[in-house]
Structures are given as C-alpha cells and as structure tokens.
Amino acid sequence: MKTLRRRAVLSLAASLLLSAAAPPIGAQETELRLPVEETVLDNGLRVLVVRRAESPRVFCSLWWRVGSVHERPGLTGLSHFFEHMMFMGTDVIGTTDARRDAEINARIEDVMNRVRQIDLARLEASRRGDPPDPALENRRAELLKDYDALVEEQKKISIPEHLAKIFQAQGGTGLNATTSYDRTNYFVELPANKVELFCWLESDRFLKPVFRSFYPEREVVKEERRMRTESTPTGLVQEAYWALFWQAHPYGWPVIGWMSDIEQYTAADARRYYETHYSPENATAIFVGDLDPAEVRELCRRYFGRLRRFPGGRPPVVTQEPEQNGERRLHAEADAPGEVAVRWHGPSGVHRDSAALDLLMAIFAGRSGRLYRPLVEEKALAVDVESWYWSLRYGGVIHVGLTLREGADPAAAERALLDLVEDVRKNGVTERELQKARNRQTADLVRQLKTYSGIAQQLGYFETIGTWRDFDAYVRNLQSATAADLKRCAEQYLRPAGRNVLVLRRKGAR
C-alpha cells in the first residue's frame, strides 16, 4: 500500500510564560517541540501520531471535517444526530441477532415513512389554516402502535451501551464525541497496548453504520434540545442572536438543529448524508501517547484503510457572509441577569490576522484588561465582563460583553462599552498590554500542550480549519504581531457598521 509520510515538528516559544515583563521576542527563547508524524492512507484519511511517554496511555481521536456548516435547511442538526447514531453500534456491536435486527430496522423505516407522509399532510393543512384530517390522525395512531411494538421487539436483541462497555472493559476512559460548526470528533483514552481496539471499533462503525434505534434516538435529541436551549432562561435568545449575526452563511443555524427539522429526519436522510460527507478524505485520526508510530501506522492501514472513498466528492461550502453595512440589534427579556453583547465578523482561523485578533481580545479581557476596571469598579455598570475571538473555518466571531449590575441602565452600559472599543480603534494598544496578552496566550497554549488530550485537541482543531501545520504559522504570528497590527485589526474589524448588539434585560426590570 502506497503511503505518503512526512515528519515535522510544531514549535512553540516557551520563554514568554515568565511574566508581563518578559524579554523581547527571540531573547532567551526555549522551544517546545512536538514531533508529529503524518501519514496519508490511500483512501485519503490522514493519520497524525505524537509520541509522548509520560504515562503508558494513548489518547485516540478521530476528527471528521463534517459539521453543521455542511447541512441545509430541512436537515439542520443532522451532523449532531449522526454523532448520536455512531454510538448505536454496527452489525456486530450492539445486537445479539444482526439478521433479525436488520429486518426490524427495515420494517420500522417502512412504518415511519408512512407516518412522515401523514405529518407532511399535517403541515400542508396547517399552511392552509385547516385542522388535521381525522382519518389520517387515526391512521397515524395505528402506525405508531405498530412502531412501538417493533421498537420493543428490537430492544430484546439490543445490547445497550455495547461500544462503551467494550472500551471500559479494556481500560478505556472518557469515551465521548462532540459536534460543532465545522467538525465532529470522537475520542477515548486507552492503555498503550489497546490502540488496535480503537482502530477496529472506530473504523467499523464508519464502515457499516446500521442506524439502529434511529427514531427513539431522534426523541433523545429533541429532549436534548429542550434541555439545552428551550428550557434555559436565555437559550432561545442566544439562538436568535446567533441567527441575527449570520445573514447568509450556514453557520447561522444551531448545531443541534431546528426542532421542526429534527422531527422530520429519516434514516434515508442519514444514509445520504453519510455517503456524501463521511468519505475518508474528510477525516484525520490523531494518536498521542506512549506508542510506536510504525505500529500505529500499520494498524491504521489495516483498519481505517477499509473505509470506502465515496465517488464525486462533496459540494464545497461557497456561501460568503456579505459585508455588513449597518448595525443590527436584538432587544430581549429573560429570567436571567441582564447583559449587553456586541459582536463583529472576523476572519477564518487560518487567516494571518487570526493571532492578532486573539491578542486584541486578550487585551480587553480579565480584571487587568481594558473593560473590567472602568465598567465594573469605576462606573459600577457591570458585575462581569468578557471578550473573545472565536475562529472557525469560514469566518470568525469577535465578541465583547458585560453582565449588567442590578439596576444599571443597559443603554449607559452599552455606551461605556463601545467607548472603550472606540478608544482602541483610535489610539491603539500599548507595548506593555501587547506583551502581557502575548504571554497569556502563549501560556494557555503551553498548558494545553502538556496533556495528551490537549495536544490532540489542538492538532484536531487546526486539521478542522486547515491543516495541523497552520498551528505553526499561528504561533509565529502570535509572536510577531505588533501594536500597529492590533490597531489596524481594531480599525478594520470593529467598525460601528459591523456591530451586532444584544441587549438583554431581566424580565420585569424597569
């Protein structure tokens, strides 16, 4: 099997950890080096290996460049739902009778397709202002009885949490997965001699997903959405604010999806999504720990090499967020402390300004930052402040915000917050502020790279927005950014016309 193998290192300046009065860039610089070995399998799947021997464990993770940005209206949240499905097992994991399980799955799909046709008729009736057809409603109730009986029959041959039990029995910890806008990642930490188990199980569930318990799991995801968004004091407000921020880009819908879309998923939708996006060239397997890189490469060839590359490739994400030419704002009330937030659009995580914007937002942050003392201590308008830059693959979010002090005027707090932003746009930042922010950002990176999972998370993030080598470029930009760079970024990105403002008042507050 032909492979492309490269070796490289990530370098990170560690000397800037020392203090705000650290020496100039380059002086007393001690590099922390992480040897990353990269292999690209014939099917396009990338494998990254970092050998560390602090403990006889290996953090194993699989990163799919598949997230909510790849969905479309009508199928929002499907990436997250797919993550749930991948824990339902395969034809040999999660069931005691694969043949009978497949038969029941087919019958369930037939019944639920008929239910879906009635649900679509309901939507059409609603659109016309008509009540649901009683005859169809009766038929729907009968079909759901059939469905319930099939689900109960399937439970008798299912093995709940089978995948987790296998990993746990072999010393695995922390088995989990997450989904975001640009990616979905699956991970577990294992004893060093159990990497083959990960390669087998992880490749197997993407080689032949069975979408077992599809419709019961759909109910689980609906409940998750109720719990995380609809039942929280500010969940729906934050969701509306996020949708206001993105005018055109598919980042605008929630990762968990709209409830009306979740209710209409079918197994056929999931199968099409799988065959469009879960092609191995869209994935990277990352291993960090006490391992033999040559052995890991061979295991990846043997197991992940089985994954089929789907023909045609997937459609690229081409929608660009149009330039914002006027301020947008949302006023809302909730049973929660009041807050004021302002967001601007920023560049992607691999953009050359990404590091400078991280530094700029770090200068606003914390008790010694630009926001805390004037807003919390001097003017007593806020009880807390925050600032951050969230860089994604196709854009970024630049945020400043405050939690209102009880009784404080939101308009006065917003003016004070924006005055501080405008001051940076007009006058820039000091060299001391820049050095302090650089020290803090560098320290955060070094701390993250001290753990196996932290290394994998950092590499996986950059594999999601570009390639792991972009981390090296980011670190260089972090060390070389000047005060003039930060002033230029403030002028360019924090424009008044680009503001997206949220003013949240406590419900009932005057």
Foldseek 3Di string as FASTA:
>chain_A
DDKDKDKDKFWFWDQLLPALPGDAPPPPTDIDIWIWIWIAAPLQFIEIETEDAPDQKKKKKKKFQDFQLQDDPLQGLLVVLVQVLLQCAFLVFFFQHSVVQLVLLVVLQVLVVLLLVLVVVCVVCVVVVHHRDPVSVVVNVVSVVVNVVSLVVRVVGTDPSRVVVVQVVQPKPDFDWDHDHGIIMTIIMGRNVCLLVCLASVLRSLQGRSCGPVPVVLVVLLVVCCVPAVVDFCRVVVLVLLLVQFPKGSNNHGRNGDNVSSVNDGVVNSVVVSLARVRNSRMYMYMYYNYDVVVSVVSCCVRVVSHHGRPDHHDDRDDARDDFQAEAEDEEETQDFWKKKKKFKFAACLDLCNLLLQLLQLQQDDCNHLPNCVCCPNPNQAVHKHWGWAHHQGIIMTMIMGGGDVPHDLVVSVVVVVVSLVCCLVPFDDPSSSSNSLSVVSVVLVVLVVDSVSVVVQQSRCVSNPHSVSSSSSSVSSSPDDSVSNNVCSNPIVDNSRIYMYTYHYPPGD
